[in-house]
Amino acid sequence: MSLPTGVRLHWREAGDPVRPPVVWIHGGSVEDSRFFDRVHALFPDTRGHGLSQKFERPEDLTYAKKAGDLLLWLDGLAIEAPVWGGASMGAALSLWVAAHHPDRVRAVISVSGPPFAPIAADREWWTAHRPLVEAGRFEDYFDANVLLRLGESELKRLKARPERYAAAVNPLRQHTVPSLLAVLEETYAREEWIAECARIRCPVLVIAGSEDRFLVATIPGARLHVVAGGSHFPNRSHRAEVQAAVAEFFAEIGFD
């Protein structure tokens, strides 16, 4: 889809188109969710990711720019206020939209959504691994990132299934070196915006692994589900538990 601004946005949908809409946004690497078989699930590739338009400047990849694209996209679909959600970056972007465009959000599901500035250790990690991206060694960078976020056992499990590994790595191959560097530079340059989460007034479910940082106190009335032993992506490592938490949340807010 070409937006009125000229930006090209790719998206997919699943589920029942007559059911209530859920916008589910990928994390730093594009990944569909299978949480929503019984809803109208919409999966956009945000600018700079997946099959959507690439940019080579970090300032073109901010949450404000990504949110602007998605609101224009929803306008084109005549969808006013869906449930928003996602994991990692997708969760944080969903919270950002709820804080800045409250009339466009019915509820939010945040799986490890970080409204934090990257910690010093993460920025140091990026400085150390940036040369892999500069050299075009995208798969090596991907492996290092999975190792950092999910651990060695998860990396081994992923690589033992070549088709899943290829599906996870292929989105990186859509990039040039400058466009992937822009995505990552923007990621590691973000500033903290926790205080802005106090503006959120819609129902929010925060799901977090016990081994990850999470936020709930700043969001008025937010529900918290901590996955014992879960990492930054508990929707991958504890899929059934996360799906059950989402289903309970849908029931609580009368989402049907």
Protein backbone atom coordinates (compact mmCIF):
# COMPACT_ATOMS: atom_id res chain seq x y z
CA MET A 1 0.00 0.00 0.00
CA SER A 2 1.21 3.51 -0.84
CA LEU A 3 0.25 5.99 1.87
CA PRO A 4 -0.78 9.59 1.08
CA THR A 5 2.75 10.60 2.08
CA GLY A 6 4.21 8.30 -0.59
CA VAL A 7 5.63 5.82 1.94
CA ARG A 8 5.16 2.18 0.91
CA LEU A 9 3.74 0.04 3.72
CA HIS A 10 3.44 -3.74 3.52
CA TRP A 11 0.97 -5.63 5.70
CA ARG A 12 -0.71 -8.99 6.08
CA GLU A 13 -3.93 -10.09 7.69
CA ALA A 14 -5.33 -13.27 9.18
CA GLY A 15 -8.33 -14.50 11.08
CA ASP A 16 -11.96 -13.50 10.54
CA PRO A 17 -12.41 -10.12 8.79
CA VAL A 18 -15.80 -9.57 10.42
CA ARG A 19 -14.33 -9.91 13.92
CA PRO A 20 -12.85 -6.99 15.93
CA PRO A 21 -9.48 -5.76 14.61
CA VAL A 22 -6.15 -6.28 16.34
CA VAL A 23 -3.00 -4.56 15.07
CA TRP A 24 -0.04 -6.74 16.04
CA ILE A 25 3.35 -5.15 15.45
CA HIS A 26 6.59 -7.08 15.08
CA GLY A 27 9.64 -6.71 17.28
CA GLY A 28 13.02 -5.69 15.95
CA SER A 29 12.87 -8.67 13.61
CA VAL A 30 9.60 -9.25 11.79
CA GLU A 31 7.55 -12.11 13.22
CA ASP A 32 3.87 -12.93 12.89
CA SER A 33 1.91 -13.98 15.94
CA ARG A 34 -0.61 -16.79 16.06
CA PHE A 35 -2.47 -15.44 19.08
CA PHE A 36 -5.42 -14.17 17.13
CA ASP A 37 -7.16 -16.93 15.24
CA ARG A 38 -10.56 -15.67 16.38
CA VAL A 39 -10.10 -11.97 15.57
CA HIS A 40 -9.29 -9.86 12.53
CA ALA A 41 -5.51 -9.76 12.91
CA LEU A 42 -3.50 -7.15 11.01
CA PHE A 43 0.29 -7.42 10.80
CA PRO A 44 2.02 -4.32 9.41
CA ASP A 45 5.71 -4.13 8.60
CA THR A 46 6.63 -0.74 10.04
CA ARG A 47 8.78 1.57 7.95
CA GLY A 48 12.34 0.29 7.72
CA HIS A 49 11.30 -3.30 8.41
CA GLY A 50 10.19 -6.36 6.45
CA LEU A 51 8.82 -5.52 3.01
CA SER A 52 7.95 -1.91 3.82
CA GLN A 53 9.97 1.03 2.53
CA LYS A 54 13.53 1.30 3.80
CA PHE A 55 15.23 4.47 5.01
CA GLU A 56 18.89 5.25 5.53
CA ARG A 57 18.63 7.93 8.24
CA PRO A 58 17.80 7.09 11.88
CA GLU A 59 15.64 10.22 12.16
CA ASP A 60 13.26 8.73 9.59
CA LEU A 61 12.60 5.71 11.84
CA THR A 62 11.33 7.25 15.07
CA TYR A 63 8.18 6.09 16.84
CA ALA A 64 6.43 9.27 15.72
CA LYS A 65 7.17 8.52 12.05
CA LYS A 66 6.20 4.85 12.39
CA ALA A 67 2.99 5.72 14.22
CA GLY A 68 2.09 8.32 11.60
CA ASP A 69 2.34 5.68 8.89
CA LEU A 70 0.18 3.22 10.80
CA LEU A 71 -2.55 5.76 11.52
CA LEU A 72 -2.74 6.69 7.84
CA TRP A 73 -2.85 2.98 6.97
CA LEU A 74 -5.74 2.42 9.40
CA ASP A 75 -7.53 5.46 7.94
CA GLY A 76 -7.31 3.77 4.56
CA LEU A 77 -8.86 0.62 6.04
CA ALA A 78 -11.59 2.64 7.80
CA ILE A 79 -10.49 1.28 11.19
CA GLU A 80 -10.82 3.84 13.96
CA ALA A 81 -9.64 2.30 17.25
CA PRO A 82 -8.35 -1.29 17.19
CA VAL A 83 -6.57 -3.18 19.93
CA TRP A 84 -2.83 -2.65 19.48
CA GLY A 85 -0.08 -4.96 20.60
CA GLY A 86 3.22 -6.58 19.90
CA ALA A 87 6.48 -7.78 21.36
CA SER A 88 9.55 -5.69 22.16
CA MET A 89 9.61 -2.76 19.73
CA GLY A 90 6.05 -3.55 18.60
CA ALA A 91 4.83 -3.42 22.19
CA ALA A 92 6.63 -0.14 22.88
CA LEU A 93 5.23 1.42 19.71
CA SER A 94 1.73 0.32 20.73
CA LEU A 95 2.18 2.02 24.12
CA TRP A 96 3.52 5.13 22.37
CA VAL A 97 0.42 5.36 20.16
CA ALA A 98 -1.84 4.91 23.21
CA ALA A 99 -0.01 7.75 24.98
CA HIS A 100 -0.03 10.16 22.03
CA HIS A 101 -3.17 9.20 20.06
CA PRO A 102 -5.55 7.84 22.73
CA ASP A 103 -8.61 8.15 20.50
CA ARG A 104 -7.12 5.58 18.11
CA VAL A 105 -6.52 2.79 20.64
CA ARG A 106 -9.10 0.51 22.25
CA ALA A 107 -6.58 -1.43 24.37
CA VAL A 108 -2.91 -2.46 24.37
CA ILE A 109 -1.14 -5.79 24.82
CA SER A 110 2.51 -5.10 25.60
CA VAL A 111 4.86 -8.09 25.57
CA SER A 112 8.19 -6.81 26.89
CA GLY A 113 7.53 -3.30 25.59
CA PRO A 114 10.45 -1.08 26.60
CA PRO A 115 9.76 2.67 27.05
CA PHE A 116 13.31 2.86 28.39
CA ALA A 117 16.55 4.20 27.02
CA PRO A 118 18.86 1.28 26.21
CA ILE A 119 21.02 0.45 29.20
CA ALA A 120 24.75 1.12 28.97
CA ALA A 121 25.53 -2.58 28.52
CA ASP A 122 23.21 -2.78 25.48
CA ARG A 123 24.79 0.29 23.88
CA GLU A 124 28.24 -1.17 24.49
CA TRP A 125 27.05 -4.45 22.94
CA TRP A 126 25.87 -2.56 19.84
CA THR A 127 29.19 -0.72 19.55
CA ALA A 128 31.01 -4.06 19.69
CA HIS A 129 28.73 -5.75 17.12
CA ARG A 130 28.17 -2.84 14.74
CA PRO A 131 31.15 -3.98 12.59
CA LEU A 132 29.21 -7.16 11.70
CA VAL A 133 26.47 -5.06 10.10
CA GLU A 134 28.98 -2.73 8.44
CA ALA A 135 30.61 -5.77 6.87
CA GLY A 136 27.27 -7.11 5.62
CA ARG A 137 27.43 -10.10 7.98
CA PHE A 138 23.73 -9.89 8.81
CA GLU A 139 23.34 -13.54 9.83
CA ASP A 140 26.23 -13.28 12.28
CA TYR A 141 24.66 -10.16 13.75
CA PHE A 142 21.31 -11.94 14.02
CA ASP A 143 22.89 -14.89 15.82
CA ALA A 144 24.65 -12.59 18.28
CA ASN A 145 21.41 -10.74 19.01
CA VAL A 146 19.44 -13.95 19.62
CA LEU A 147 22.22 -15.15 21.89
CA LEU A 148 22.02 -11.92 23.88
CA ARG A 149 18.22 -11.73 24.13
CA LEU A 150 17.19 -15.38 24.33
CA GLY A 151 20.26 -17.39 25.21
CA GLU A 152 22.32 -20.18 23.67
CA SER A 153 19.66 -22.88 23.99
CA GLU A 154 17.13 -20.83 22.02
CA LEU A 155 19.68 -20.08 19.30
CA LYS A 156 20.49 -23.79 18.98
CA ARG A 157 16.79 -24.65 18.87
CA LEU A 158 16.19 -22.09 16.13
CA LYS A 159 19.14 -23.17 14.01
CA ALA A 160 18.06 -26.81 14.33
CA ARG A 161 14.98 -25.88 12.25
CA PRO A 162 16.45 -24.40 9.06
CA GLU A 163 13.10 -23.24 7.68
CA ARG A 164 12.32 -21.23 10.83
CA TYR A 165 15.85 -19.85 10.97
CA ALA A 166 15.64 -18.74 7.34
CA ALA A 167 12.25 -17.09 7.96
CA ALA A 168 13.72 -15.16 10.88
CA VAL A 169 16.87 -14.05 9.03
CA ASN A 170 15.33 -13.29 5.63
CA PRO A 171 13.88 -9.89 6.66
CA LEU A 172 17.42 -8.69 7.34
CA ARG A 173 18.40 -9.62 3.81
CA GLN A 174 15.84 -7.10 2.53
CA HIS A 175 18.16 -4.36 3.80
CA THR A 176 21.19 -2.62 2.44
CA VAL A 177 23.97 -2.02 4.92
CA PRO A 178 22.99 1.68 5.33
CA SER A 179 19.30 0.89 5.88
CA LEU A 180 19.96 -1.76 8.54
CA LEU A 181 22.47 0.51 10.24
CA ALA A 182 19.80 3.24 10.35
CA VAL A 183 17.29 0.88 12.02
CA LEU A 184 19.79 -0.19 14.65
CA GLU A 185 21.25 3.27 15.27
CA GLU A 186 17.73 4.55 15.96
CA THR A 187 17.08 1.62 18.30
CA TYR A 188 20.17 2.18 20.42
CA ALA A 189 19.81 5.99 20.48
CA ARG A 190 16.29 6.06 21.96
CA GLU A 191 15.64 8.10 25.07
CA GLU A 192 13.49 7.08 28.01
CA TRP A 193 9.79 8.06 27.81
CA ILE A 194 8.33 6.28 30.85
CA ALA A 195 6.63 9.44 32.13
CA GLU A 196 4.58 9.69 28.93
CA CYS A 197 2.99 6.32 29.72
CA ALA A 198 1.07 8.04 32.53
CA ARG A 199 -1.15 9.56 29.82
CA ILE A 200 -2.51 6.17 28.79
CA ARG A 201 -6.17 5.65 29.71
CA CYS A 202 -7.16 2.54 27.77
CA PRO A 203 -6.95 -1.00 29.22
CA VAL A 204 -3.38 -2.32 29.07
CA LEU A 205 -1.99 -5.81 29.61
CA VAL A 206 1.76 -5.93 30.28
CA ILE A 207 3.32 -9.37 29.80
CA ALA A 208 6.95 -9.76 30.79
CA GLY A 209 9.42 -12.52 31.41
CA SER A 210 10.79 -12.60 34.95
CA GLU A 211 14.31 -12.30 33.52
CA ASP A 212 13.46 -9.09 31.64
CA ARG A 213 12.73 -5.53 32.70
CA PHE A 214 9.09 -4.49 32.65
CA LEU A 215 6.88 -1.50 33.35
CA VAL A 216 3.42 -1.33 34.84
CA ALA A 217 3.21 1.14 37.76
CA THR A 218 3.28 4.22 35.51
CA ILE A 219 0.29 3.10 33.39
CA PRO A 220 -3.01 3.77 35.18
CA GLY A 221 -4.89 0.51 35.82
CA ALA A 222 -2.52 -1.67 33.83
CA ARG A 223 -2.63 -5.43 34.39
CA LEU A 224 0.64 -7.31 34.79
CA HIS A 225 1.39 -10.95 33.94
CA VAL A 226 4.92 -12.11 34.74
CA VAL A 227 6.09 -15.29 33.01
CA ALA A 228 8.33 -17.18 35.44
CA GLY A 229 11.63 -17.96 33.77
CA GLY A 230 10.64 -16.02 30.66
CA SER A 231 13.11 -13.89 28.73
CA HIS A 232 12.59 -10.84 26.52
CA PHE A 233 10.29 -12.80 24.21
CA PRO A 234 8.07 -14.95 26.48
CA ASN A 235 5.58 -15.19 23.62
CA ARG A 236 8.11 -17.53 21.99
CA SER A 237 9.38 -19.48 24.99
CA HIS A 238 6.06 -19.74 26.89
CA ARG A 239 3.54 -19.47 24.07
CA ALA A 240 0.62 -21.27 25.76
CA GLU A 241 0.88 -19.20 28.94
CA VAL A 242 1.02 -15.94 27.01
CA GLN A 243 -1.91 -16.93 24.81
CA ALA A 244 -3.96 -17.75 27.92
CA ALA A 245 -3.13 -14.37 29.46
CA VAL A 246 -4.19 -12.59 26.25
CA ALA A 247 -7.46 -14.57 26.10
CA GLU A 248 -8.23 -13.65 29.71
CA PHE A 249 -7.53 -9.99 28.97
CA PHE A 250 -9.84 -10.05 25.96
CA ALA A 251 -12.59 -11.49 28.17
CA GLU A 252 -12.02 -8.83 30.83
CA ILE A 253 -12.39 -5.95 28.38
CA GLY A 254 -15.35 -7.51 26.58
CA PHE A 255 -13.45 -7.87 23.34
CA ASP A 256 -15.63 -10.05 21.12
